[in-house]
């Protein structure tokens, strides 16, 4: 079974959307375990620039930008993971 790679990008200020996304990712990690590989990035680093992101929080799944500028609902995030190959 292969893992789905999820990258989350947060601001340096920890605004409310960042906090909500962080909690959501923790829930996803607890629920899906090793089926999802989660990497987090803080601030506008090199990877942020490579994806040409314009706002945080942002979610990139399997190198496809899925969400930018807001915290998604749990259902939206799980749907995006399934769309990207989560079994």
PDB file of N, CA and C in Angstrom:
ATOM      1  N   UNK A   1       0.847  -1.178   0.000  1.00  0.00           N
ATOM      2  CA  UNK A   1       0.000   0.000   0.000  1.00  0.00           C
ATOM      3  C   UNK A   1       0.893   1.242   0.000  1.00  0.00           C
ATOM      4  N   UNK A   2       0.651   2.134  -0.937  1.00  0.00           N
ATOM      5  CA  UNK A   2       1.442   3.346  -1.017  1.00  0.00           C
ATOM      6  C   UNK A   2       0.783   4.462  -0.209  1.00  0.00           C
ATOM      7  N   UNK A   3       1.631   5.364   0.265  1.00  0.00           N
ATOM      8  CA  UNK A   3       1.146   6.504   1.033  1.00  0.00           C
ATOM      9  C   UNK A   3       0.813   7.656   0.108  1.00  0.00           C
ATOM     10  N   UNK A   4      -0.193   8.422   0.500  1.00  0.00           N
ATOM     11  CA  UNK A   4      -0.518   9.661  -0.200  1.00  0.00           C
ATOM     12  C   UNK A   4       0.241  10.774   0.512  1.00  0.00           C
ATOM     13  N   UNK A   5       0.962  11.574  -0.258  1.00  0.00           N
ATOM     14  CA  UNK A   5       1.766  12.651   0.313  1.00  0.00           C
ATOM     15  C   UNK A   5       0.949  13.933   0.400  1.00  0.00           C
ATOM     16  N   UNK A   6       0.859  14.492   1.587  1.00  0.00           N
ATOM     17  CA  UNK A   6       0.148  15.746   1.828  1.00  0.00           C
ATOM     18  C   UNK A   6       1.147  16.738   2.409  1.00  0.00           C
ATOM     19  N   UNK A   7       1.227  17.909   1.803  1.00  0.00           N
ATOM     20  CA  UNK A   7       2.067  18.980   2.327  1.00  0.00           C
ATOM     21  C   UNK A   7       1.169  20.129   2.754  1.00  0.00           C
ATOM     22  N   UNK A   8       1.379  20.606   3.964  1.00  0.00           N
ATOM     23  CA  UNK A   8       0.593  21.725   4.495  1.00  0.00           C
ATOM     24  C   UNK A   8       1.523  22.915   4.714  1.00  0.00           C
ATOM     25  N   UNK A   9       1.059  24.074   4.320  1.00  0.00           N
ATOM     26  CA  UNK A   9       1.830  25.311   4.445  1.00  0.00           C
ATOM     27  C   UNK A   9       1.118  26.259   5.391  1.00  0.00           C
ATOM     28  N   UNK A  10       1.868  26.748   6.366  1.00  0.00           N
ATOM     29  CA  UNK A  10       1.330  27.637   7.397  1.00  0.00           C
ATOM     30  C   UNK A  10       2.059  28.974   7.369  1.00  0.00           C
ATOM     31  N   UNK A  11       1.397  30.019   7.858  1.00  0.00           N
ATOM     32  CA  UNK A  11       2.039  31.326   7.972  1.00  0.00           C
ATOM     33  C   UNK A  11       2.979  31.312   9.178  1.00  0.00           C
ATOM     34  N   UNK A  12       3.736  32.370   9.321  1.00  0.00           N
ATOM     35  CA  UNK A  12       4.609  32.508  10.495  1.00  0.00           C
ATOM     36  C   UNK A  12       3.855  33.041  11.705  1.00  0.00           C
ATOM     37  N   UNK A  13       2.608  33.478  11.513  1.00  0.00           N
ATOM     38  CA  UNK A  13       1.878  34.142  12.591  1.00  0.00           C
ATOM     39  C   UNK A  13       0.886  33.248  13.322  1.00  0.00           C
ATOM     40  N   UNK A  14       0.676  32.022  12.841  1.00  0.00           N
ATOM     41  CA  UNK A  14      -0.288  31.109  13.464  1.00  0.00           C
ATOM     42  C   UNK A  14      -1.672  31.740  13.607  1.00  0.00           C
ATOM     43  N   UNK A  15      -2.247  32.165  12.490  1.00  0.00           N
ATOM     44  CA  UNK A  15      -3.597  32.720  12.558  1.00  0.00           C
ATOM     45  C   UNK A  15      -4.614  31.604  12.777  1.00  0.00           C
ATOM     46  N   UNK A  16      -5.866  31.952  12.894  1.00  0.00           N
ATOM     47  CA  UNK A  16      -6.901  30.976  13.257  1.00  0.00           C
ATOM     48  C   UNK A  16      -7.037  29.859  12.221  1.00  0.00           C
ATOM     49  N   UNK A  17      -6.886  30.174  10.926  1.00  0.00           N
ATOM     50  CA  UNK A  17      -6.948  29.131   9.904  1.00  0.00           C
ATOM     51  C   UNK A  17      -5.800  28.139  10.050  1.00  0.00           C
ATOM     52  N   UNK A  18      -4.620  28.633  10.420  1.00  0.00           N
ATOM     53  CA  UNK A  18      -3.480  27.746  10.648  1.00  0.00           C
ATOM     54  C   UNK A  18      -3.759  26.787  11.805  1.00  0.00           C
ATOM     55  N   UNK A  19      -4.315  27.316  12.872  1.00  0.00           N
ATOM     56  CA  UNK A  19      -4.625  26.492  14.045  1.00  0.00           C
ATOM     57  C   UNK A  19      -5.664  25.435  13.689  1.00  0.00           C
ATOM     58  N   UNK A  20      -6.694  25.835  12.972  1.00  0.00           N
ATOM     59  CA  UNK A  20      -7.741  24.882  12.561  1.00  0.00           C
ATOM     60  C   UNK A  20      -7.178  23.788  11.658  1.00  0.00           C
ATOM     61  N   UNK A  21      -6.334  24.165  10.696  1.00  0.00           N
ATOM     62  CA  UNK A  21      -5.749  23.174   9.795  1.00  0.00           C
ATOM     63  C   UNK A  21      -4.819  22.241  10.558  1.00  0.00           C
ATOM     64  N   UNK A  22      -4.068  22.770  11.482  1.00  0.00           N
ATOM     65  CA  UNK A  22      -3.175  21.938  12.294  1.00  0.00           C
ATOM     66  C   UNK A  22      -3.964  20.879  13.061  1.00  0.00           C
ATOM     67  N   UNK A  23      -5.073  21.283  13.654  1.00  0.00           N
ATOM     68  CA  UNK A  23      -5.926  20.334  14.385  1.00  0.00           C
ATOM     69  C   UNK A  23      -6.535  19.303  13.440  1.00  0.00           C
ATOM     70  N   UNK A  24      -6.970  19.753  12.269  1.00  0.00           N
ATOM     71  CA  UNK A  24      -7.549  18.849  11.282  1.00  0.00           C
ATOM     72  C   UNK A  24      -6.522  17.815  10.821  1.00  0.00           C
ATOM     73  N   UNK A  25      -5.303  18.253  10.580  1.00  0.00           N
ATOM     74  CA  UNK A  25      -4.252  17.323  10.154  1.00  0.00           C
ATOM     75  C   UNK A  25      -3.947  16.298  11.242  1.00  0.00           C
ATOM     76  N   UNK A  26      -3.982  16.717  12.477  1.00  0.00           N
ATOM     77  CA  UNK A  26      -3.766  15.785  13.586  1.00  0.00           C
ATOM     78  C   UNK A  26      -4.868  14.725  13.601  1.00  0.00           C
ATOM     79  N   UNK A  27      -6.108  15.136  13.402  1.00  0.00           N
ATOM     80  CA  UNK A  27      -7.225  14.186  13.328  1.00  0.00           C
ATOM     81  C   UNK A  27      -7.061  13.224  12.148  1.00  0.00           C
ATOM     82  N   UNK A  28      -6.664  13.755  11.001  1.00  0.00           N
ATOM     83  CA  UNK A  28      -6.455  12.929   9.807  1.00  0.00           C
ATOM     84  C   UNK A  28      -5.336  11.923  10.066  1.00  0.00           C
ATOM     85  N   UNK A  29      -4.269  12.383  10.669  1.00  0.00           N
ATOM     86  CA  UNK A  29      -3.133  11.506  10.979  1.00  0.00           C
ATOM     87  C   UNK A  29      -3.563  10.378  11.916  1.00  0.00           C
ATOM     88  N   UNK A  30      -4.346  10.718  12.933  1.00  0.00           N
ATOM     89  CA  UNK A  30      -4.817   9.705  13.874  1.00  0.00           C
ATOM     90  C   UNK A  30      -5.771   8.717  13.216  1.00  0.00           C
ATOM     91  N   UNK A  31      -6.597   9.197  12.318  1.00  0.00           N
ATOM     92  CA  UNK A  31      -7.588   8.342  11.662  1.00  0.00           C
ATOM     93  C   UNK A  31      -6.987   7.470  10.564  1.00  0.00           C
ATOM     94  N   UNK A  32      -6.131   8.064   9.728  1.00  0.00           N
ATOM     95  CA  UNK A  32      -5.630   7.358   8.557  1.00  0.00           C
ATOM     96  C   UNK A  32      -4.252   6.732   8.749  1.00  0.00           C
ATOM     97  N   UNK A  33      -3.588   7.110   9.825  1.00  0.00           N
ATOM     98  CA  UNK A  33      -2.301   6.503  10.160  1.00  0.00           C
ATOM     99  C   UNK A  33      -1.278   6.588   9.044  1.00  0.00           C
ATOM    100  N   UNK A  34      -0.684   5.442   8.719  1.00  0.00           N
ATOM    101  CA  UNK A  34       0.412   5.429   7.761  1.00  0.00           C
ATOM    102  C   UNK A  34      -0.045   5.448   6.305  1.00  0.00           C
ATOM    103  N   UNK A  35      -1.328   5.635   6.054  1.00  0.00           N
ATOM    104  CA  UNK A  35      -1.816   5.759   4.673  1.00  0.00           C
ATOM    105  C   UNK A  35      -1.554   7.151   4.110  1.00  0.00           C
ATOM    106  N   UNK A  36      -1.264   8.109   4.999  1.00  0.00           N
ATOM    107  CA  UNK A  36      -0.988   9.479   4.578  1.00  0.00           C
ATOM    108  C   UNK A  36       0.335   9.930   5.189  1.00  0.00           C
ATOM    109  N   UNK A  37       1.197  10.472   4.348  1.00  0.00           N
ATOM    110  CA  UNK A  37       2.458  11.045   4.822  1.00  0.00           C
ATOM    111  C   UNK A  37       2.278  12.555   4.834  1.00  0.00           C
ATOM    112  N   UNK A  38       2.334  13.151   6.024  1.00  0.00           N
ATOM    113  CA  UNK A  38       2.087  14.588   6.174  1.00  0.00           C
ATOM    114  C   UNK A  38       3.400  15.319   6.426  1.00  0.00           C
ATOM    115  N   UNK A  39       3.658  16.337   5.611  1.00  0.00           N
ATOM    116  CA  UNK A  39       4.803  17.223   5.804  1.00  0.00           C
ATOM    117  C   UNK A  39       4.263  18.632   6.002  1.00  0.00           C
ATOM    118  N   UNK A  40       4.849  19.364   6.936  1.00  0.00           N
ATOM    119  CA  UNK A  40       4.397  20.733   7.184  1.00  0.00           C
ATOM    120  C   UNK A  40       5.533  21.718   6.916  1.00  0.00           C
ATOM    121  N   UNK A  41       5.145  22.899   6.463  1.00  0.00           N
ATOM    122  CA  UNK A  41       6.092  23.965   6.152  1.00  0.00           C
ATOM    123  C   UNK A  41       5.572  25.258   6.774  1.00  0.00           C
ATOM    124  N   UNK A  42       6.483  26.052   7.304  1.00  0.00           N
ATOM    125  CA  UNK A  42       6.091  27.306   7.945  1.00  0.00           C
ATOM    126  C   UNK A  42       6.729  28.475   7.194  1.00  0.00           C
ATOM    127  N   UNK A  43       5.919  29.457   6.869  1.00  0.00           N
ATOM    128  CA  UNK A  43       6.420  30.646   6.189  1.00  0.00           C
ATOM    129  C   UNK A  43       6.608  30.435   4.699  1.00  0.00           C
ATOM    130  N   UNK A  44       7.055  31.471   4.040  1.00  0.00           N
ATOM    131  CA  UNK A  44       7.244  31.423   2.586  1.00  0.00           C
ATOM    132  C   UNK A  44       8.647  30.925   2.271  1.00  0.00           C
ATOM    133  N   UNK A  45       8.827  29.622   2.399  1.00  0.00           N
ATOM    134  CA  UNK A  45      10.122  29.006   2.162  1.00  0.00           C
ATOM    135  C   UNK A  45      10.287  28.630   0.688  1.00  0.00           C
ATOM    136  N   UNK A  46      11.355  27.905   0.384  1.00  0.00           N
ATOM    137  CA  UNK A  46      11.662  27.515  -0.989  1.00  0.00           C
ATOM    138  C   UNK A  46      10.553  26.657  -1.604  1.00  0.00           C
ATOM    139  N   UNK A  47      10.006  25.725  -0.847  1.00  0.00           N
ATOM    140  CA  UNK A  47       8.950  24.852  -1.364  1.00  0.00           C
ATOM    141  C   UNK A  47       7.688  25.661  -1.655  1.00  0.00           C
ATOM    142  N   UNK A  48       7.353  26.607  -0.792  1.00  0.00           N
ATOM    143  CA  UNK A  48       6.228  27.523  -1.006  1.00  0.00           C
ATOM    144  C   UNK A  48       6.385  28.233  -2.349  1.00  0.00           C
ATOM    145  N   UNK A  49       7.599  28.708  -2.609  1.00  0.00           N
ATOM    146  CA  UNK A  49       7.884  29.417  -3.857  1.00  0.00           C
ATOM    147  C   UNK A  49       7.819  28.473  -5.064  1.00  0.00           C
ATOM    148  N   UNK A  50       8.307  27.238  -4.910  1.00  0.00           N
ATOM    149  CA  UNK A  50       8.285  26.271  -6.012  1.00  0.00           C
ATOM    150  C   UNK A  50       6.862  25.985  -6.489  1.00  0.00           C
ATOM    151  N   UNK A  51       5.934  25.922  -5.548  1.00  0.00           N
ATOM    152  CA  UNK A  51       4.532  25.685  -5.898  1.00  0.00           C
ATOM    153  C   UNK A  51       3.817  26.961  -6.337  1.00  0.00           C
ATOM    154  N   UNK A  52       4.489  28.100  -6.260  1.00  0.00           N
ATOM    155  CA  UNK A  52       3.909  29.403  -6.615  1.00  0.00           C
ATOM    156  C   UNK A  52       2.649  29.689  -5.792  1.00  0.00           C
ATOM    157  N   UNK A  53       2.685  29.332  -4.531  1.00  0.00           N
ATOM    158  CA  UNK A  53       1.550  29.595  -3.649  1.00  0.00           C
ATOM    159  C   UNK A  53       1.472  31.083  -3.357  1.00  0.00           C
ATOM    160  N   UNK A  54       0.272  31.554  -3.085  1.00  0.00           N
ATOM    161  CA  UNK A  54       0.070  32.982  -2.848  1.00  0.00           C
ATOM    162  C   UNK A  54      -0.468  33.291  -1.461  1.00  0.00           C
ATOM    163  N   UNK A  55      -0.934  32.269  -0.736  1.00  0.00           N
ATOM    164  CA  UNK A  55      -1.520  32.500   0.583  1.00  0.00           C
ATOM    165  C   UNK A  55      -1.402  31.234   1.426  1.00  0.00           C
ATOM    166  N   UNK A  56      -1.548  31.422   2.707  1.00  0.00           N
ATOM    167  CA  UNK A  56      -1.592  30.299   3.646  1.00  0.00           C
ATOM    168  C   UNK A  56      -2.895  30.389   4.417  1.00  0.00           C
ATOM    169  N   UNK A  57      -3.344  29.318   4.994  1.00  0.00           N
ATOM    170  CA  UNK A  57      -2.792  27.978   4.861  1.00  0.00           C
ATOM    171  C   UNK A  57      -3.036  27.439   3.457  1.00  0.00           C
ATOM    172  N   UNK A  58      -2.229  26.453   3.103  1.00  0.00           N
ATOM    173  CA  UNK A  58      -2.373  25.809   1.798  1.00  0.00           C
ATOM    174  C   UNK A  58      -2.130  24.316   1.964  1.00  0.00           C
ATOM    175  N   UNK A  59      -2.791  23.537   1.121  1.00  0.00           N
ATOM    176  CA  UNK A  59      -2.631  22.092   1.141  1.00  0.00           C
ATOM    177  C   UNK A  59      -2.291  21.628  -0.267  1.00  0.00           C
ATOM    178  N   UNK A  60      -1.205  20.874  -0.375  1.00  0.00           N
ATOM    179  CA  UNK A  60      -0.768  20.282  -1.628  1.00  0.00           C
ATOM    180  C   UNK A  60      -0.765  18.775  -1.424  1.00  0.00           C
ATOM    181  N   UNK A  61      -1.454  18.054  -2.303  1.00  0.00           N
ATOM    182  CA  UNK A  61      -1.528  16.601  -2.198  1.00  0.00           C
ATOM    183  C   UNK A  61      -0.958  16.003  -3.473  1.00  0.00           C
ATOM    184  N   UNK A  62       0.045  15.145  -3.299  1.00  0.00           N
ATOM    185  CA  UNK A  62       0.710  14.511  -4.445  1.00  0.00           C
ATOM    186  C   UNK A  62       1.131  15.553  -5.481  1.00  0.00           C
ATOM    187  N   UNK A  63       1.715  16.647  -4.995  1.00  0.00           N
ATOM    188  CA  UNK A  63       2.252  17.731  -5.807  1.00  0.00           C
ATOM    189  C   UNK A  63       1.199  18.497  -6.603  1.00  0.00           C
ATOM    190  N   UNK A  64      -0.069  18.350  -6.220  1.00  0.00           N
ATOM    191  CA  UNK A  64      -1.162  19.106  -6.832  1.00  0.00           C
ATOM    192  C   UNK A  64      -1.722  20.067  -5.782  1.00  0.00           C
ATOM    193  N   UNK A  65      -1.775  21.351  -6.101  1.00  0.00           N
ATOM    194  CA  UNK A  65      -2.317  22.335  -5.173  1.00  0.00           C
ATOM    195  C   UNK A  65      -3.814  22.095  -5.059  1.00  0.00           C
ATOM    196  N   UNK A  66      -4.288  21.855  -3.851  1.00  0.00           N
ATOM    197  CA  UNK A  66      -5.704  21.543  -3.635  1.00  0.00           C
ATOM    198  C   UNK A  66      -6.446  22.672  -2.928  1.00  0.00           C
ATOM    199  N   UNK A  67      -5.808  23.303  -1.938  1.00  0.00           N
ATOM    200  CA  UNK A  67      -6.498  24.312  -1.120  1.00  0.00           C
ATOM    201  C   UNK A  67      -5.523  25.444  -0.824  1.00  0.00           C
ATOM    202  N   UNK A  68      -5.980  26.690  -0.989  1.00  0.00           N
ATOM    203  CA  UNK A  68      -5.145  27.856  -0.695  1.00  0.00           C
ATOM    204  C   UNK A  68      -5.996  28.920  -0.022  1.00  0.00           C
ATOM    205  N   UNK A  69      -5.510  29.420   1.108  1.00  0.00           N
ATOM    206  CA  UNK A  69      -6.109  30.589   1.742  1.00  0.00           C
ATOM    207  C   UNK A  69      -7.156  30.340   2.801  1.00  0.00           C
ATOM    208  N   UNK A  70      -7.492  29.069   3.060  1.00  0.00           N
ATOM    209  CA  UNK A  70      -8.481  28.790   4.103  1.00  0.00           C
ATOM    210  C   UNK A  70      -8.302  27.358   4.603  1.00  0.00           C
ATOM    211  N   UNK A  71      -8.884  27.078   5.740  1.00  0.00           N
ATOM    212  CA  UNK A  71      -8.870  25.724   6.281  1.00  0.00           C
ATOM    213  C   UNK A  71     -10.082  24.980   5.718  1.00  0.00           C
ATOM    214  N   UNK A  72      -9.846  23.850   5.064  1.00  0.00           N
ATOM    215  CA  UNK A  72     -10.973  23.103   4.500  1.00  0.00           C
ATOM    216  C   UNK A  72     -11.740  22.361   5.583  1.00  0.00           C
ATOM    217  N   UNK A  73     -12.925  21.902   5.230  1.00  0.00           N
ATOM    218  CA  UNK A  73     -13.648  21.018   6.146  1.00  0.00           C
ATOM    219  C   UNK A  73     -12.973  19.652   6.105  1.00  0.00           C
ATOM    220  N   UNK A  74     -13.270  18.841   7.075  1.00  0.00           N
ATOM    221  CA  UNK A  74     -12.724  17.493   7.126  1.00  0.00           C
ATOM    222  C   UNK A  74     -13.143  16.715   5.877  1.00  0.00           C
ATOM    223  N   UNK A  75     -14.404  16.859   5.496  1.00  0.00           N
ATOM    224  CA  UNK A  75     -14.929  16.152   4.333  1.00  0.00           C
ATOM    225  C   UNK A  75     -14.207  16.571   3.046  1.00  0.00           C
ATOM    226  N   UNK A  76     -13.929  17.853   2.902  1.00  0.00           N
ATOM    227  CA  UNK A  76     -13.226  18.347   1.723  1.00  0.00           C
ATOM    228  C   UNK A  76     -11.816  17.784   1.656  1.00  0.00           C
ATOM    229  N   UNK A  77     -11.128  17.762   2.790  1.00  0.00           N
ATOM    230  CA  UNK A  77      -9.757  17.252   2.819  1.00  0.00           C
ATOM    231  C   UNK A  77      -9.717  15.755   2.528  1.00  0.00           C
ATOM    232  N   UNK A  78     -10.608  14.993   3.127  1.00  0.00           N
ATOM    233  CA  UNK A  78     -10.650  13.550   2.884  1.00  0.00           C
ATOM    234  C   UNK A  78     -11.000  13.282   1.420  1.00  0.00           C
ATOM    235  N   UNK A  79     -11.907  14.046   0.859  1.00  0.00           N
ATOM    236  CA  UNK A  79     -12.274  13.902  -0.556  1.00  0.00           C
ATOM    237  C   UNK A  79     -11.058  14.181  -1.450  1.00  0.00           C
ATOM    238  N   UNK A  80     -10.300  15.210  -1.139  1.00  0.00           N
ATOM    239  CA  UNK A  80      -9.104  15.532  -1.924  1.00  0.00           C
ATOM    240  C   UNK A  80      -8.064  14.413  -1.811  1.00  0.00           C
ATOM    241  N   UNK A  81      -7.937  13.821  -0.640  1.00  0.00           N
ATOM    242  CA  UNK A  81      -7.012  12.692  -0.463  1.00  0.00           C
ATOM    243  C   UNK A  81      -7.473  11.484  -1.292  1.00  0.00           C
ATOM    244  N   UNK A  82      -8.759  11.196  -1.261  1.00  0.00           N
ATOM    245  CA  UNK A  82      -9.280  10.077  -2.056  1.00  0.00           C
ATOM    246  C   UNK A  82      -9.100  10.316  -3.546  1.00  0.00           C
ATOM    247  N   UNK A  83      -9.339  11.546  -3.957  1.00  0.00           N
ATOM    248  CA  UNK A  83      -9.159  11.919  -5.363  1.00  0.00           C
ATOM    249  C   UNK A  83      -7.715  11.705  -5.808  1.00  0.00           C
ATOM    250  N   UNK A  84      -6.790  11.800  -4.850  1.00  0.00           N
ATOM    251  CA  UNK A  84      -5.368  11.676  -5.144  1.00  0.00           C
ATOM    252  C   UNK A  84      -4.827  10.263  -4.916  1.00  0.00           C
ATOM    253  N   UNK A  85      -5.710   9.305  -4.635  1.00  0.00           N
ATOM    254  CA  UNK A  85      -5.277   7.923  -4.543  1.00  0.00           C
ATOM    255  C   UNK A  85      -5.389   7.245  -3.203  1.00  0.00           C
ATOM    256  N   UNK A  86      -5.926   7.932  -2.199  1.00  0.00           N
ATOM    257  CA  UNK A  86      -6.097   7.291  -0.884  1.00  0.00           C
ATOM    258  C   UNK A  86      -7.089   6.152  -1.000  1.00  0.00           C
ATOM    259  N   UNK A  87      -6.701   5.004  -0.459  1.00  0.00           N
ATOM    260  CA  UNK A  87      -7.585   3.833  -0.483  1.00  0.00           C
ATOM    261  C   UNK A  87      -8.290   3.689   0.844  1.00  0.00           C
TER     262      UNK A  87
END
